[in-house]
């Protein structure tokens, strides 16, 4: 069971967010099925592309996304924080 994933249509395509699988349900294909369904939904509404974010150390998720065609990394994020004085 995936936990509250969603897709949002943008000018650039389908943005897929918040894909997470309960620990006891991992490895059963739920994430792949859910993301594939979101992609089909987006395509049925005119999205020509889909994009998402994944942490680079989340190898299980990266394998799921690679199987679905998300093999290209567009850019990496770098977060900054203000240090306390």
Protein backbone atom coordinates (compact mmCIF):
# COMPACT_ATOMS: atom_id res chain seq x y z
CA UNK A 1 0.00 0.00 0.00
CA UNK A 2 1.36 3.40 -0.98
CA UNK A 3 0.74 6.34 1.30
CA UNK A 4 -1.09 9.32 -0.24
CA UNK A 5 0.75 9.76 -3.56
CA UNK A 6 -0.62 12.33 -5.98
CA UNK A 7 -0.03 13.79 -9.40
CA UNK A 8 -0.46 17.39 -10.49
CA UNK A 9 -0.69 18.59 -14.06
CA UNK A 10 1.60 21.51 -14.86
CA UNK A 11 2.55 23.36 -18.02
CA UNK A 12 5.52 20.99 -18.31
CA UNK A 13 3.71 17.68 -17.71
CA UNK A 14 2.72 15.50 -14.78
CA UNK A 15 4.45 16.14 -11.47
CA UNK A 16 4.36 13.02 -9.26
CA UNK A 17 4.71 13.63 -5.53
CA UNK A 18 4.67 11.87 -2.17
CA UNK A 19 5.15 8.27 -3.25
CA UNK A 20 5.92 6.15 -0.18
CA UNK A 21 5.19 2.54 0.66
CA UNK A 22 4.54 1.15 4.12
CA UNK A 23 7.55 -0.81 5.29
CA UNK A 24 5.60 -4.06 5.68
CA UNK A 25 4.21 -3.75 2.13
CA UNK A 26 7.44 -3.02 0.23
CA UNK A 27 8.56 -5.27 -2.61
CA UNK A 28 5.02 -6.18 -3.68
CA UNK A 29 4.76 -3.79 -6.66
CA UNK A 30 2.42 -1.23 -5.13
CA UNK A 31 4.62 1.80 -5.85
CA UNK A 32 5.11 0.80 -9.47
CA UNK A 33 1.40 0.17 -9.98
CA UNK A 34 0.49 3.46 -8.33
CA UNK A 35 2.96 5.54 -10.33
CA UNK A 36 1.95 3.78 -13.56
CA UNK A 37 -1.70 4.62 -12.82
CA UNK A 38 -0.79 8.26 -12.15
CA UNK A 39 1.13 8.35 -15.43
CA UNK A 40 -1.85 6.90 -17.32
CA UNK A 41 -4.13 9.46 -15.68
CA UNK A 42 -1.77 12.29 -16.67
CA UNK A 43 -1.46 11.03 -20.24
CA UNK A 44 -5.25 10.82 -20.55
CA UNK A 45 -5.34 14.51 -19.68
CA UNK A 46 -2.70 15.57 -22.18
CA UNK A 47 0.56 15.31 -20.21
CA UNK A 48 3.37 14.48 -22.62
CA UNK A 49 5.96 14.00 -19.87
CA UNK A 50 6.17 13.11 -16.19
CA UNK A 51 8.71 14.10 -13.56
CA UNK A 52 9.42 13.42 -9.90
CA UNK A 53 12.08 13.71 -7.22
CA UNK A 54 13.81 10.87 -5.43
CA UNK A 55 16.65 10.83 -2.94
CA UNK A 56 19.80 9.49 -4.59
CA UNK A 57 20.31 6.91 -1.81
CA UNK A 58 16.83 5.40 -2.26
CA UNK A 59 17.89 2.58 -4.57
CA UNK A 60 14.61 0.66 -4.30
CA UNK A 61 12.63 3.67 -5.54
CA UNK A 62 15.17 4.39 -8.27
CA UNK A 63 14.76 0.81 -9.57
CA UNK A 64 10.96 1.27 -9.67
CA UNK A 65 11.28 4.57 -11.53
CA UNK A 66 13.87 3.17 -13.96
CA UNK A 67 11.43 0.38 -14.89
CA UNK A 68 8.80 3.04 -15.59
CA UNK A 69 11.10 5.05 -17.86
CA UNK A 70 12.46 7.65 -15.45
CA UNK A 71 16.09 6.90 -16.33
CA UNK A 72 17.28 10.46 -16.89
CA UNK A 73 18.43 12.76 -14.11
CA UNK A 74 17.70 16.36 -14.98
CA UNK A 75 19.40 18.06 -12.04
CA UNK A 76 20.36 17.67 -8.41
CA UNK A 77 19.12 19.69 -5.50
CA UNK A 78 21.40 21.33 -3.01
CA UNK A 79 19.77 22.64 0.15
CA UNK A 80 21.26 25.36 2.28
CA UNK A 81 20.42 26.41 5.79
CA UNK A 82 21.29 29.42 7.85
CA UNK A 83 23.62 28.64 10.73
CA UNK A 84 22.60 29.80 14.18
CA UNK A 85 24.72 32.59 15.61
